[in-house]
Protein backbone atom coordinates (compact mmCIF):
# COMPACT_ATOMS: atom_id res chain seq x y z
CA MET A 1 22.12 -25.66 12.80
CA ALA A 2 18.88 -24.16 12.05
CA GLN A 3 15.45 -26.68 12.52
CA PHE A 4 12.57 -26.53 10.31
CA SER A 5 9.06 -27.46 10.85
CA VAL A 6 6.83 -27.56 7.81
CA GLY A 7 3.42 -26.76 7.71
CA ILE A 8 3.37 -24.19 10.95
CA CYS A 9 3.59 -20.51 11.03
CA ARG A 10 4.55 -19.09 14.23
CA ARG A 11 5.36 -15.13 12.35
CA GLU A 12 4.78 -14.92 9.20
CA TYR A 13 1.43 -15.13 6.92
CA CYS A 14 0.77 -18.42 5.94
CA GLY A 15 -3.00 -17.76 5.07
CA THR A 16 -5.09 -18.90 7.54
CA GLU A 17 -7.94 -17.32 8.97
CA THR A 18 -7.13 -17.38 12.62
CA HIS A 19 -3.74 -15.84 11.96
CA PRO A 20 -3.49 -12.56 13.79
CA TYR A 21 -3.06 -10.60 11.02
CA GLU A 22 -5.98 -11.95 9.32
CA LEU A 23 -7.81 -11.13 12.83
CA TYR A 24 -6.81 -7.88 12.83
CA LEU A 25 -7.65 -7.67 9.17
CA ALA A 26 -11.24 -8.67 10.05
CA PHE A 27 -11.33 -6.47 13.29
CA ASN A 28 -10.45 -3.44 11.80
CA ASP A 29 -12.80 -4.19 8.65
CA ILE A 30 -10.05 -4.13 5.95
CA GLU A 31 -10.06 -6.38 2.81
CA HIS A 32 -7.33 -8.33 2.00
CA ARG A 33 -6.87 -8.82 -1.45
CA LYS A 34 -4.06 -10.70 -2.87
CA THR A 35 -2.27 -11.07 -6.23
CA ARG A 36 -3.39 -13.23 -8.84
CA VAL A 37 -1.17 -16.78 -9.26
CA ARG A 38 1.34 -16.37 -12.34
CA ARG A 39 0.58 -12.94 -12.67
CA PRO A 40 3.27 -10.39 -12.35
CA GLN A 41 1.72 -7.97 -13.89
CA THR A 42 -0.77 -7.77 -10.88
CA ASN A 43 2.48 -7.26 -8.64
CA GLY A 44 4.34 -4.67 -10.52
CA PHE A 45 2.93 -1.74 -8.87
CA VAL A 46 4.16 -3.47 -5.26
CA GLU A 47 7.45 -4.34 -6.83
CA ARG A 48 7.94 -0.64 -8.23
CA PHE A 49 7.13 0.90 -4.66
CA ASN A 50 9.35 -1.71 -2.70
CA ARG A 51 12.67 -0.38 -5.34
CA THR A 52 11.88 3.00 -4.82
CA VAL A 53 11.39 3.06 -0.99
CA LEU A 54 14.62 0.94 -0.96
CA GLU A 55 16.41 3.50 -3.10
CA GLU A 56 14.86 6.51 -1.54
CA PHE A 57 14.54 6.38 2.25
CA PHE A 58 16.34 3.12 3.35
CA ARG A 59 19.56 3.11 1.36
CA GLN A 60 20.29 6.80 2.74
CA LYS A 61 20.98 6.37 6.34
CA PHE A 62 21.54 4.51 9.07
CA TYR A 63 19.20 4.23 11.87
CA GLU A 64 20.27 3.63 15.67
CA SER A 65 16.56 3.36 16.61
CA VAL A 66 13.44 2.08 15.38
CA GLU A 67 11.68 5.33 16.66
CA ALA A 68 13.80 7.54 14.88
CA LEU A 69 13.36 5.14 12.13
CA GLN A 70 9.53 5.36 11.95
CA ALA A 71 9.85 8.62 12.35
CA ASP A 72 11.91 9.53 8.91
CA LEU A 73 9.65 6.26 7.34
CA ASP A 74 6.32 8.31 8.53
CA GLU A 75 7.65 12.15 7.26
CA TRP A 76 8.98 10.31 3.92
CA LEU A 77 5.32 8.55 3.50
CA ARG A 78 3.61 11.62 4.06
CA TRP A 79 5.92 13.41 1.77
CA TYR A 80 5.72 10.03 -1.25
CA ASN A 81 2.18 10.46 -1.06
CA ASN A 82 1.36 13.83 -1.05
CA GLU A 83 4.14 16.00 -2.58
CA ARG A 84 6.06 13.97 -5.38
CA PRO A 85 5.11 13.36 -8.60
CA HIS A 86 4.64 10.04 -9.91
CA ARG A 87 5.18 9.01 -13.12
CA GLY A 88 3.04 6.08 -13.73
CA TYR A 89 0.45 6.37 -16.14
CA ARG A 90 -2.39 6.38 -13.47
CA ASN A 91 -1.14 9.75 -12.19
CA MET A 92 0.96 11.04 -15.39
CA GLY A 93 2.82 13.60 -13.04
CA ARG A 94 0.72 13.98 -10.23
CA THR A 95 0.92 12.87 -6.58
CA PRO A 96 -1.22 10.06 -5.25
CA MET A 97 -3.17 11.78 -3.35
CA GLU A 98 -4.07 14.75 -5.94
CA SER A 99 -5.24 11.37 -8.35
CA ILE A 100 -7.30 10.21 -5.16
CA ARG A 101 -8.97 13.78 -4.42
CA GLN A 102 -9.59 13.98 -8.75
CA TYR A 103 -11.33 10.35 -8.68
CA LEU A 104 -13.52 11.20 -5.48
CA SER A 105 -14.31 14.46 -7.42
CA LYS A 106 -15.10 12.75 -10.50
CA MET A 107 -17.42 9.74 -8.27
CA GLY A 108 -19.10 12.63 -6.59
CA SER A 109 -20.11 14.79 -9.89
CA GLN A 110 -21.28 11.14 -11.11
CA GLU A 111 -23.40 10.58 -8.28
CA THR A 112 -24.65 13.88 -8.21
CA SER A 113 -25.65 13.42 -12.37
CA SER A 114 -27.61 10.24 -11.55
CA VAL A 115 -29.22 11.35 -8.54
CA ASN A 116 -30.43 14.35 -11.54
CA LYS A 117 -31.19 12.06 -13.78
CA GLU A 118 -33.60 10.38 -11.53
CA ALA A 119 -35.84 13.39 -10.35
């Protein structure tokens, strides 16, 4: 019979600042963003990605080692972000990297124009 302990988290993240996950984020200067309570719209992007990775990657092949799975997952993620067009309203048929490059280009031109206005 499984035993459960209330209030003690050993492996998963439980929201404490001393958890190894929070320490890792702080050490690497990564902001930890959380979804808002009772706001399923906020979590929609994550849920859609989870469905996509299950359908397009994990349900396609059985892996005999973690190393083989990781190598294929790394390659799939590279393809997913750089070559696979996304139909969502934010990407509109572009790859995520194309969308990021377009955003950065737009931000760079806005910074340049604001500098020119100040001069």
